[in-house]
N, C-alpha and C. Protein backbone atom coordinates (compact mmCIF):
# COMPACT_ATOMS: atom_id res chain seq x y z
N MET A 1 -16.32 -7.87 75.14
CA MET A 1 -15.46 -7.35 76.18
C MET A 1 -14.08 -7.08 75.59
N LYS A 2 -13.52 -5.93 75.94
CA LYS A 2 -12.20 -5.52 75.47
C LYS A 2 -11.36 -5.14 76.68
N ILE A 3 -10.25 -5.86 76.85
CA ILE A 3 -9.43 -5.72 78.04
C ILE A 3 -7.99 -5.43 77.64
N SER A 4 -7.42 -4.41 78.26
CA SER A 4 -6.01 -4.07 78.06
C SER A 4 -5.27 -4.26 79.38
N ILE A 5 -4.13 -4.94 79.31
CA ILE A 5 -3.33 -5.22 80.50
C ILE A 5 -1.94 -4.65 80.27
N ILE A 6 -1.53 -3.72 81.11
CA ILE A 6 -0.21 -3.11 80.98
C ILE A 6 0.50 -3.18 82.33
N GLY A 7 1.79 -2.89 82.32
CA GLY A 7 2.54 -2.87 83.56
C GLY A 7 3.97 -3.28 83.34
N TYR A 8 4.67 -3.46 84.43
CA TYR A 8 6.09 -3.75 84.40
C TYR A 8 6.38 -5.21 84.06
N SER A 9 7.53 -5.41 83.42
CA SER A 9 7.99 -6.76 83.07
C SER A 9 8.14 -7.60 84.34
N GLY A 10 7.67 -8.84 84.26
CA GLY A 10 7.80 -9.77 85.38
C GLY A 10 6.70 -9.66 86.41
N SER A 11 5.70 -8.81 86.17
CA SER A 11 4.65 -8.60 87.16
C SER A 11 3.51 -9.61 87.07
N GLY A 12 3.45 -10.38 86.00
CA GLY A 12 2.39 -11.39 85.89
C GLY A 12 1.29 -11.03 84.91
N LYS A 13 1.53 -10.06 84.06
CA LYS A 13 0.51 -9.63 83.09
C LYS A 13 0.06 -10.78 82.19
N SER A 14 1.01 -11.53 81.67
CA SER A 14 0.68 -12.60 80.72
C SER A 14 -0.09 -13.73 81.39
N SER A 15 0.30 -14.08 82.60
CA SER A 15 -0.44 -15.11 83.34
C SER A 15 -1.87 -14.65 83.60
N PHE A 16 -2.01 -13.40 83.95
CA PHE A 16 -3.33 -12.81 84.19
C PHE A 16 -4.16 -12.83 82.91
N ALA A 17 -3.54 -12.44 81.80
CA ALA A 17 -4.24 -12.45 80.50
C ALA A 17 -4.71 -13.85 80.14
N THR A 18 -3.88 -14.84 80.41
CA THR A 18 -4.24 -16.23 80.12
C THR A 18 -5.44 -16.65 80.96
N LYS A 19 -5.44 -16.30 82.22
CA LYS A 19 -6.57 -16.64 83.10
C LYS A 19 -7.86 -15.98 82.62
N LEU A 20 -7.78 -14.70 82.26
CA LEU A 20 -8.98 -14.01 81.75
C LEU A 20 -9.43 -14.62 80.43
N SER A 21 -8.49 -14.99 79.60
CA SER A 21 -8.81 -15.62 78.31
C SER A 21 -9.58 -16.92 78.52
N GLU A 22 -9.12 -17.73 79.46
CA GLU A 22 -9.80 -18.99 79.76
C GLU A 22 -11.18 -18.75 80.35
N LYS A 23 -11.28 -17.76 81.22
CA LYS A 23 -12.55 -17.45 81.88
C LYS A 23 -13.60 -16.93 80.90
N TYR A 24 -13.20 -16.00 80.05
CA TYR A 24 -14.15 -15.32 79.16
C TYR A 24 -14.19 -15.88 77.74
N HIS A 25 -13.35 -16.87 77.46
CA HIS A 25 -13.29 -17.48 76.12
C HIS A 25 -13.01 -16.44 75.04
N ILE A 26 -12.03 -15.60 75.34
CA ILE A 26 -11.56 -14.58 74.40
C ILE A 26 -10.07 -14.84 74.19
N VAL A 27 -9.65 -14.88 72.95
CA VAL A 27 -8.24 -15.12 72.65
C VAL A 27 -7.40 -13.97 73.20
N ALA A 28 -6.35 -14.32 73.93
CA ALA A 28 -5.43 -13.31 74.45
C ALA A 28 -4.36 -13.00 73.41
N THR A 29 -4.09 -11.73 73.25
CA THR A 29 -3.02 -11.27 72.37
C THR A 29 -1.87 -10.82 73.26
N TYR A 30 -0.72 -11.42 73.04
CA TYR A 30 0.47 -11.10 73.83
C TYR A 30 1.39 -10.24 72.97
N MET A 31 1.60 -9.00 73.38
CA MET A 31 2.40 -8.08 72.58
C MET A 31 3.83 -8.56 72.37
N ASP A 32 4.37 -9.33 73.30
CA ASP A 32 5.72 -9.86 73.09
C ASP A 32 5.78 -10.72 71.84
N LYS A 33 4.71 -11.44 71.52
CA LYS A 33 4.68 -12.24 70.29
C LYS A 33 4.71 -11.35 69.06
N TYR A 34 4.10 -10.19 69.17
CA TYR A 34 4.07 -9.26 68.04
C TYR A 34 5.38 -8.48 67.93
N HIS A 35 6.03 -8.28 69.05
CA HIS A 35 7.25 -7.47 69.08
C HIS A 35 8.49 -8.25 68.63
N PHE A 36 8.56 -9.52 68.99
CA PHE A 36 9.76 -10.31 68.70
C PHE A 36 9.49 -11.38 67.65
N GLU A 37 10.40 -11.47 66.71
CA GLU A 37 10.44 -12.58 65.77
C GLU A 37 11.34 -13.64 66.39
N PRO A 38 11.38 -14.85 65.82
CA PRO A 38 12.31 -15.87 66.36
C PRO A 38 13.74 -15.34 66.43
N GLY A 39 14.46 -15.80 67.46
CA GLY A 39 15.83 -15.36 67.66
C GLY A 39 15.92 -14.03 68.38
N TRP A 40 14.85 -13.61 69.01
CA TRP A 40 14.78 -12.37 69.77
C TRP A 40 15.04 -11.15 68.88
N VAL A 41 14.69 -11.26 67.61
CA VAL A 41 14.82 -10.14 66.68
C VAL A 41 13.57 -9.28 66.79
N GLU A 42 13.77 -7.97 66.95
CA GLU A 42 12.62 -7.07 67.06
C GLU A 42 11.95 -6.92 65.70
N ARG A 43 10.63 -7.10 65.69
CA ARG A 43 9.85 -6.96 64.45
C ARG A 43 9.76 -5.49 64.08
N ASP A 44 9.63 -5.22 62.81
CA ASP A 44 9.44 -3.86 62.32
C ASP A 44 8.24 -3.23 63.05
N THR A 45 8.44 -2.04 63.58
CA THR A 45 7.40 -1.36 64.36
C THR A 45 6.12 -1.16 63.56
N HIS A 46 6.25 -0.78 62.32
CA HIS A 46 5.07 -0.55 61.48
C HIS A 46 4.27 -1.84 61.30
N LEU A 47 4.96 -2.94 61.04
CA LEU A 47 4.29 -4.23 60.88
C LEU A 47 3.63 -4.66 62.19
N ARG A 48 4.34 -4.49 63.30
CA ARG A 48 3.78 -4.84 64.61
C ARG A 48 2.51 -4.05 64.87
N ASN A 49 2.53 -2.77 64.59
CA ASN A 49 1.35 -1.94 64.83
C ASN A 49 0.19 -2.32 63.91
N GLN A 50 0.49 -2.69 62.68
CA GLN A 50 -0.56 -3.16 61.77
C GLN A 50 -1.21 -4.43 62.32
N MET A 51 -0.39 -5.34 62.84
CA MET A 51 -0.92 -6.58 63.42
C MET A 51 -1.85 -6.26 64.58
N LEU A 52 -1.45 -5.32 65.43
CA LEU A 52 -2.27 -4.95 66.58
C LEU A 52 -3.54 -4.24 66.14
N GLU A 53 -3.45 -3.42 65.12
CA GLU A 53 -4.65 -2.74 64.62
C GLU A 53 -5.71 -3.74 64.18
N GLU A 54 -5.29 -4.86 63.62
CA GLU A 54 -6.24 -5.91 63.23
C GLU A 54 -6.92 -6.50 64.46
N VAL A 55 -6.19 -6.64 65.55
CA VAL A 55 -6.76 -7.18 66.78
C VAL A 55 -7.79 -6.22 67.35
N ILE A 56 -7.47 -4.93 67.42
CA ILE A 56 -8.38 -4.00 68.08
C ILE A 56 -9.63 -3.71 67.25
N LYS A 57 -9.67 -4.15 66.01
CA LYS A 57 -10.88 -4.03 65.19
C LYS A 57 -11.92 -5.07 65.58
N LYS A 58 -11.50 -6.11 66.29
CA LYS A 58 -12.41 -7.19 66.66
C LYS A 58 -13.39 -6.75 67.74
N ASP A 59 -14.46 -7.52 67.88
CA ASP A 59 -15.48 -7.20 68.88
C ASP A 59 -15.02 -7.48 70.31
N GLN A 60 -14.12 -8.43 70.46
CA GLN A 60 -13.62 -8.81 71.78
C GLN A 60 -12.12 -9.01 71.70
N TRP A 61 -11.42 -8.60 72.76
CA TRP A 61 -9.99 -8.87 72.81
C TRP A 61 -9.47 -8.70 74.23
N ILE A 62 -8.36 -9.37 74.46
CA ILE A 62 -7.55 -9.20 75.67
C ILE A 62 -6.14 -8.98 75.15
N ILE A 63 -5.57 -7.83 75.47
CA ILE A 63 -4.24 -7.50 74.98
C ILE A 63 -3.32 -7.28 76.18
N ASP A 64 -2.24 -8.06 76.20
CA ASP A 64 -1.24 -8.00 77.26
C ASP A 64 0.01 -7.33 76.73
N GLY A 65 0.37 -6.19 77.30
CA GLY A 65 1.63 -5.57 76.93
C GLY A 65 1.51 -4.08 76.76
N ASN A 66 2.65 -3.42 76.79
CA ASN A 66 2.70 -1.97 76.77
C ASN A 66 2.83 -1.43 75.34
N TYR A 67 4.01 -1.44 74.77
CA TYR A 67 4.29 -0.99 73.41
C TYR A 67 3.43 0.21 73.03
N SER A 68 3.94 1.36 73.29
CA SER A 68 3.16 2.60 73.35
C SER A 68 2.65 3.18 72.04
N LYS A 69 3.11 2.75 70.91
CA LYS A 69 2.73 3.40 69.65
C LYS A 69 1.22 3.39 69.41
N ILE A 70 0.52 2.42 69.91
CA ILE A 70 -0.92 2.32 69.62
C ILE A 70 -1.75 2.23 70.91
N LEU A 71 -1.16 2.64 72.01
CA LEU A 71 -1.85 2.52 73.29
C LEU A 71 -3.10 3.40 73.39
N LYS A 72 -3.01 4.63 72.94
CA LYS A 72 -4.12 5.56 73.13
C LYS A 72 -5.43 5.00 72.56
N GLU A 73 -5.39 4.55 71.33
CA GLU A 73 -6.60 3.99 70.72
C GLU A 73 -7.07 2.74 71.45
N ARG A 74 -6.12 1.92 71.85
CA ARG A 74 -6.48 0.70 72.59
C ARG A 74 -7.18 1.04 73.90
N PHE A 75 -6.69 2.03 74.61
CA PHE A 75 -7.31 2.42 75.89
C PHE A 75 -8.68 3.03 75.68
N GLU A 76 -8.84 3.81 74.64
CA GLU A 76 -10.15 4.40 74.36
C GLU A 76 -11.19 3.33 74.05
N LEU A 77 -10.77 2.27 73.37
CA LEU A 77 -11.69 1.19 73.01
C LEU A 77 -11.92 0.19 74.14
N ALA A 78 -11.00 0.10 75.06
CA ALA A 78 -11.07 -0.91 76.12
C ALA A 78 -12.26 -0.67 77.06
N ASP A 79 -12.85 -1.78 77.50
CA ASP A 79 -13.86 -1.72 78.56
C ASP A 79 -13.20 -1.72 79.92
N GLN A 80 -12.03 -2.36 80.01
CA GLN A 80 -11.31 -2.48 81.28
C GLN A 80 -9.82 -2.38 81.00
N ILE A 81 -9.12 -1.63 81.85
CA ILE A 81 -7.67 -1.49 81.75
C ILE A 81 -7.09 -1.89 83.10
N PHE A 82 -6.20 -2.86 83.06
CA PHE A 82 -5.52 -3.31 84.27
C PHE A 82 -4.07 -2.82 84.22
N ILE A 83 -3.62 -2.20 85.30
CA ILE A 83 -2.23 -1.76 85.41
C ILE A 83 -1.55 -2.60 86.48
N PHE A 84 -0.48 -3.28 86.11
CA PHE A 84 0.33 -4.04 87.05
C PHE A 84 1.50 -3.16 87.46
N ASN A 85 1.37 -2.52 88.60
CA ASN A 85 2.34 -1.53 89.08
C ASN A 85 3.03 -2.08 90.33
N PHE A 86 3.79 -3.16 90.13
CA PHE A 86 4.45 -3.84 91.24
C PHE A 86 5.82 -3.25 91.54
N ASN A 87 6.26 -3.46 92.74
CA ASN A 87 7.61 -3.14 93.19
C ASN A 87 8.62 -3.80 92.26
N ARG A 88 9.70 -3.11 91.95
CA ARG A 88 10.71 -3.61 91.01
C ARG A 88 11.31 -4.95 91.45
N PHE A 89 11.44 -5.18 92.75
CA PHE A 89 12.04 -6.42 93.22
C PHE A 89 11.06 -7.59 93.12
N LYS A 90 9.77 -7.30 93.27
CA LYS A 90 8.74 -8.33 93.04
C LYS A 90 8.74 -8.72 91.56
N CYS A 91 8.92 -7.74 90.69
CA CYS A 91 8.97 -8.03 89.25
C CYS A 91 10.20 -8.85 88.90
N LEU A 92 11.34 -8.52 89.49
CA LEU A 92 12.55 -9.30 89.24
C LEU A 92 12.36 -10.73 89.75
N TYR A 93 11.75 -10.87 90.91
CA TYR A 93 11.45 -12.20 91.44
C TYR A 93 10.54 -12.97 90.48
N GLY A 94 9.50 -12.29 89.96
CA GLY A 94 8.59 -12.92 89.01
C GLY A 94 9.31 -13.36 87.75
N ALA A 95 10.23 -12.54 87.25
CA ALA A 95 11.01 -12.89 86.06
C ALA A 95 11.94 -14.07 86.35
N LEU A 96 12.50 -14.12 87.55
CA LEU A 96 13.37 -15.24 87.93
C LEU A 96 12.57 -16.54 88.01
N ILE A 97 11.41 -16.50 88.63
CA ILE A 97 10.56 -17.69 88.71
C ILE A 97 10.14 -18.14 87.31
N ARG A 98 9.80 -17.19 86.46
CA ARG A 98 9.43 -17.51 85.08
C ARG A 98 10.60 -18.15 84.35
N ARG A 99 11.80 -17.64 84.57
CA ARG A 99 13.00 -18.19 83.93
C ARG A 99 13.22 -19.64 84.36
N ILE A 100 13.02 -19.91 85.63
CA ILE A 100 13.19 -21.27 86.14
C ILE A 100 12.10 -22.18 85.55
N LYS A 101 10.88 -21.71 85.56
CA LYS A 101 9.75 -22.50 85.06
C LYS A 101 9.89 -22.84 83.58
N TYR A 102 10.37 -21.90 82.79
CA TYR A 102 10.44 -22.08 81.35
C TYR A 102 11.88 -22.26 80.85
N ARG A 103 12.73 -22.83 81.67
CA ARG A 103 14.12 -23.06 81.26
C ARG A 103 14.16 -23.89 79.98
N ASN A 104 14.84 -23.36 78.98
CA ASN A 104 14.97 -24.01 77.67
C ASN A 104 13.62 -24.23 76.98
N LYS A 105 12.64 -23.40 77.31
CA LYS A 105 11.31 -23.50 76.70
C LYS A 105 10.85 -22.10 76.29
N THR A 106 9.87 -22.10 75.39
CA THR A 106 9.22 -20.86 75.01
C THR A 106 7.87 -20.80 75.71
N ARG A 107 7.62 -19.74 76.44
CA ARG A 107 6.33 -19.59 77.11
C ARG A 107 5.24 -19.24 76.10
N ARG A 108 4.02 -19.48 76.47
CA ARG A 108 2.87 -19.25 75.60
C ARG A 108 2.79 -17.82 75.08
N SER A 109 3.23 -16.89 75.87
CA SER A 109 3.08 -15.48 75.52
C SER A 109 4.26 -14.92 74.71
N MET A 110 5.12 -15.80 74.23
CA MET A 110 6.30 -15.36 73.47
C MET A 110 6.34 -16.08 72.13
N THR A 111 7.00 -15.48 71.16
CA THR A 111 7.17 -16.08 69.85
C THR A 111 7.92 -17.40 69.96
N GLU A 112 7.41 -18.42 69.29
CA GLU A 112 8.04 -19.74 69.30
C GLU A 112 9.49 -19.61 68.87
N GLY A 113 10.35 -20.30 69.60
CA GLY A 113 11.78 -20.25 69.31
C GLY A 113 12.55 -19.27 70.17
N ASN A 114 11.84 -18.46 70.93
CA ASN A 114 12.49 -17.52 71.85
C ASN A 114 12.37 -18.09 73.26
N ASN A 115 13.33 -18.93 73.61
CA ASN A 115 13.31 -19.53 74.93
C ASN A 115 13.48 -18.45 75.99
N GLU A 116 12.87 -18.70 77.13
CA GLU A 116 12.91 -17.74 78.24
C GLU A 116 14.34 -17.45 78.63
N LYS A 117 14.62 -16.19 78.89
CA LYS A 117 15.96 -15.81 79.31
C LYS A 117 15.86 -14.71 80.37
N LEU A 118 16.91 -14.63 81.15
CA LEU A 118 17.02 -13.57 82.15
C LEU A 118 18.49 -13.16 82.17
N ASP A 119 18.84 -12.26 81.28
CA ASP A 119 20.22 -11.80 81.20
C ASP A 119 20.37 -10.46 81.92
N LEU A 120 21.59 -9.98 81.99
CA LEU A 120 21.88 -8.74 82.71
C LEU A 120 21.10 -7.56 82.11
N GLU A 121 21.00 -7.51 80.80
CA GLU A 121 20.27 -6.42 80.14
C GLU A 121 18.80 -6.39 80.59
N PHE A 122 18.18 -7.56 80.68
CA PHE A 122 16.78 -7.63 81.09
C PHE A 122 16.64 -7.30 82.58
N ILE A 123 17.57 -7.72 83.39
CA ILE A 123 17.54 -7.40 84.82
C ILE A 123 17.62 -5.88 85.01
N ILE A 124 18.52 -5.24 84.27
CA ILE A 124 18.65 -3.78 84.36
C ILE A 124 17.37 -3.11 83.87
N TRP A 125 16.74 -3.67 82.83
CA TRP A 125 15.47 -3.14 82.34
C TRP A 125 14.41 -3.21 83.44
N ILE A 126 14.28 -4.36 84.08
CA ILE A 126 13.28 -4.55 85.13
C ILE A 126 13.52 -3.61 86.31
N LEU A 127 14.77 -3.52 86.74
CA LEU A 127 15.07 -2.74 87.94
C LEU A 127 15.14 -1.23 87.72
N PHE A 128 15.59 -0.81 86.54
CA PHE A 128 15.87 0.61 86.36
C PHE A 128 15.26 1.23 85.10
N LYS A 129 15.61 0.71 83.94
CA LYS A 129 15.28 1.40 82.69
C LYS A 129 13.79 1.52 82.41
N SER A 130 13.01 0.56 82.85
CA SER A 130 11.56 0.64 82.62
C SER A 130 10.86 1.51 83.66
N ARG A 131 11.56 1.89 84.67
CA ARG A 131 10.97 2.62 85.80
C ARG A 131 11.22 4.12 85.68
N THR A 132 10.82 4.67 84.58
CA THR A 132 11.06 6.09 84.33
C THR A 132 9.97 6.96 84.95
N LYS A 133 10.32 8.21 85.11
CA LYS A 133 9.33 9.18 85.59
C LYS A 133 8.18 9.28 84.59
N ASN A 134 8.50 9.24 83.30
CA ASN A 134 7.46 9.30 82.27
C ASN A 134 6.49 8.13 82.37
N ARG A 135 7.00 6.95 82.66
CA ARG A 135 6.13 5.78 82.80
C ARG A 135 5.20 5.96 83.99
N ARG A 136 5.73 6.42 85.11
CA ARG A 136 4.90 6.66 86.30
C ARG A 136 3.82 7.71 86.01
N LEU A 137 4.22 8.79 85.34
CA LEU A 137 3.25 9.83 84.99
C LEU A 137 2.21 9.31 84.01
N TYR A 138 2.65 8.45 83.10
CA TYR A 138 1.72 7.88 82.13
C TYR A 138 0.65 7.05 82.84
N TYR A 139 1.06 6.22 83.77
CA TYR A 139 0.08 5.42 84.53
C TYR A 139 -0.86 6.32 85.31
N GLN A 140 -0.32 7.37 85.92
CA GLN A 140 -1.14 8.30 86.68
C GLN A 140 -2.15 9.01 85.78
N ASN A 141 -1.68 9.47 84.63
CA ASN A 141 -2.58 10.13 83.67
C ASN A 141 -3.66 9.18 83.18
N LEU A 142 -3.29 7.96 82.96
CA LEU A 142 -4.25 6.96 82.50
C LEU A 142 -5.36 6.77 83.53
N LYS A 143 -4.99 6.71 84.79
CA LYS A 143 -5.99 6.57 85.86
C LYS A 143 -6.91 7.79 85.91
N GLU A 144 -6.37 8.96 85.62
CA GLU A 144 -7.18 10.18 85.62
C GLU A 144 -8.08 10.28 84.38
N LEU A 145 -7.56 9.85 83.23
CA LEU A 145 -8.34 9.90 81.99
C LEU A 145 -9.49 8.91 81.96
N PHE A 146 -9.24 7.72 82.50
CA PHE A 146 -10.23 6.64 82.43
C PHE A 146 -10.50 6.04 83.82
N PRO A 147 -10.93 6.86 84.78
CA PRO A 147 -11.09 6.34 86.14
C PRO A 147 -12.08 5.18 86.24
N GLN A 148 -13.09 5.16 85.38
CA GLN A 148 -14.10 4.11 85.42
C GLN A 148 -13.59 2.81 84.81
N LYS A 149 -12.51 2.86 84.06
CA LYS A 149 -11.99 1.67 83.37
C LYS A 149 -10.77 1.07 84.04
N VAL A 150 -10.01 1.86 84.78
CA VAL A 150 -8.70 1.43 85.27
C VAL A 150 -8.79 0.76 86.62
N LEU A 151 -8.12 -0.38 86.71
CA LEU A 151 -7.93 -1.06 87.98
C LEU A 151 -6.43 -1.31 88.11
N GLU A 152 -5.84 -0.73 89.14
CA GLU A 152 -4.40 -0.84 89.35
C GLU A 152 -4.10 -1.86 90.43
N PHE A 153 -3.15 -2.75 90.13
CA PHE A 153 -2.68 -3.72 91.11
C PHE A 153 -1.26 -3.34 91.52
N LYS A 154 -1.05 -3.27 92.83
CA LYS A 154 0.30 -2.99 93.33
C LYS A 154 0.88 -4.19 94.05
N LYS A 155 0.04 -5.19 94.30
CA LYS A 155 0.49 -6.40 95.02
C LYS A 155 -0.20 -7.63 94.45
N ARG A 156 0.48 -8.75 94.55
CA ARG A 156 -0.06 -10.02 94.07
C ARG A 156 -1.38 -10.36 94.77
N LYS A 157 -1.50 -10.00 96.05
CA LYS A 157 -2.74 -10.28 96.78
C LYS A 157 -3.94 -9.60 96.12
N GLN A 158 -3.74 -8.41 95.60
CA GLN A 158 -4.83 -7.70 94.92
C GLN A 158 -5.25 -8.44 93.65
N VAL A 159 -4.27 -8.96 92.93
CA VAL A 159 -4.56 -9.73 91.71
C VAL A 159 -5.36 -10.97 92.08
N ASN A 160 -4.89 -11.69 93.08
CA ASN A 160 -5.58 -12.92 93.50
C ASN A 160 -6.99 -12.63 94.00
N LYS A 161 -7.15 -11.56 94.74
CA LYS A 161 -8.48 -11.20 95.24
C LYS A 161 -9.42 -10.89 94.08
N TYR A 162 -8.92 -10.17 93.08
CA TYR A 162 -9.74 -9.87 91.90
C TYR A 162 -10.12 -11.16 91.18
N LEU A 163 -9.15 -12.03 90.94
CA LEU A 163 -9.44 -13.29 90.24
C LEU A 163 -10.45 -14.14 91.01
N GLU A 164 -10.31 -14.17 92.31
CA GLU A 164 -11.29 -14.90 93.12
C GLU A 164 -12.68 -14.28 92.99
N SER A 165 -12.74 -12.95 92.86
CA SER A 165 -14.03 -12.28 92.74
C SER A 165 -14.75 -12.64 91.44
N ILE A 166 -13.99 -13.10 90.44
CA ILE A 166 -14.60 -13.55 89.19
C ILE A 166 -14.51 -15.07 89.05
N ASN A 167 -14.34 -15.72 90.20
CA ASN A 167 -14.36 -17.18 90.29
C ASN A 167 -13.20 -17.87 89.57
N ILE A 168 -12.02 -17.30 89.70
CA ILE A 168 -10.80 -17.96 89.27
C ILE A 168 -9.96 -18.13 90.53
N TYR A 169 -9.74 -19.39 90.90
CA TYR A 169 -9.13 -19.66 92.21
C TYR A 169 -7.73 -20.22 92.14
N ASP A 170 -7.21 -20.50 90.96
CA ASP A 170 -5.94 -21.22 90.88
C ASP A 170 -4.77 -20.35 90.45
N PHE A 171 -4.78 -19.08 90.79
CA PHE A 171 -3.70 -18.18 90.44
C PHE A 171 -2.95 -17.83 91.72
N LYS A 172 -2.30 -18.80 92.29
CA LYS A 172 -1.68 -18.60 93.59
C LYS A 172 -0.16 -18.66 93.51
N GLU A 173 0.45 -17.70 92.82
CA GLU A 173 1.91 -17.65 92.81
C GLU A 173 2.36 -17.05 94.14
N LYS A 174 3.52 -17.48 94.60
CA LYS A 174 4.07 -16.92 95.82
C LYS A 174 4.56 -15.51 95.53
N SER A 175 4.36 -14.62 96.50
CA SER A 175 4.83 -13.24 96.28
C SER A 175 5.89 -12.85 97.27
């Protein structure tokens, strides 16, 4: 099984990837770990893409994250593509809850040493900069290119309903 999870920051992609990883016994790959080195330093794009290419060569994978340089091949290989297309304020709320939960800690889906943060730059990213017309068109095109593979979530209830349908019952974050 090959699963790709994309969507907006703070929407719950990593938590979802973790649940699927536990359910299917497939190691989840979190793109944030590949993108950031300790100290929130961005990793060289070429090196990051090489690391991801090694993952997509495997027989099974769950990949959480956008990072567009290698998306096309990942989507072609994927058996299932999940799009987390939540309202910007729900995403900001999710990022705030995550910040509180992981205060002075590094979450599982991030490079060790990068404690969770929610600064003004990230808030602006969640609310505005990541919400481009191109991103919306990209998601729309993806649904048209791979209609049999894509499942889009616009609300937390849809995520929970899906997880319950595959017998995962403990993903009950408040929305």
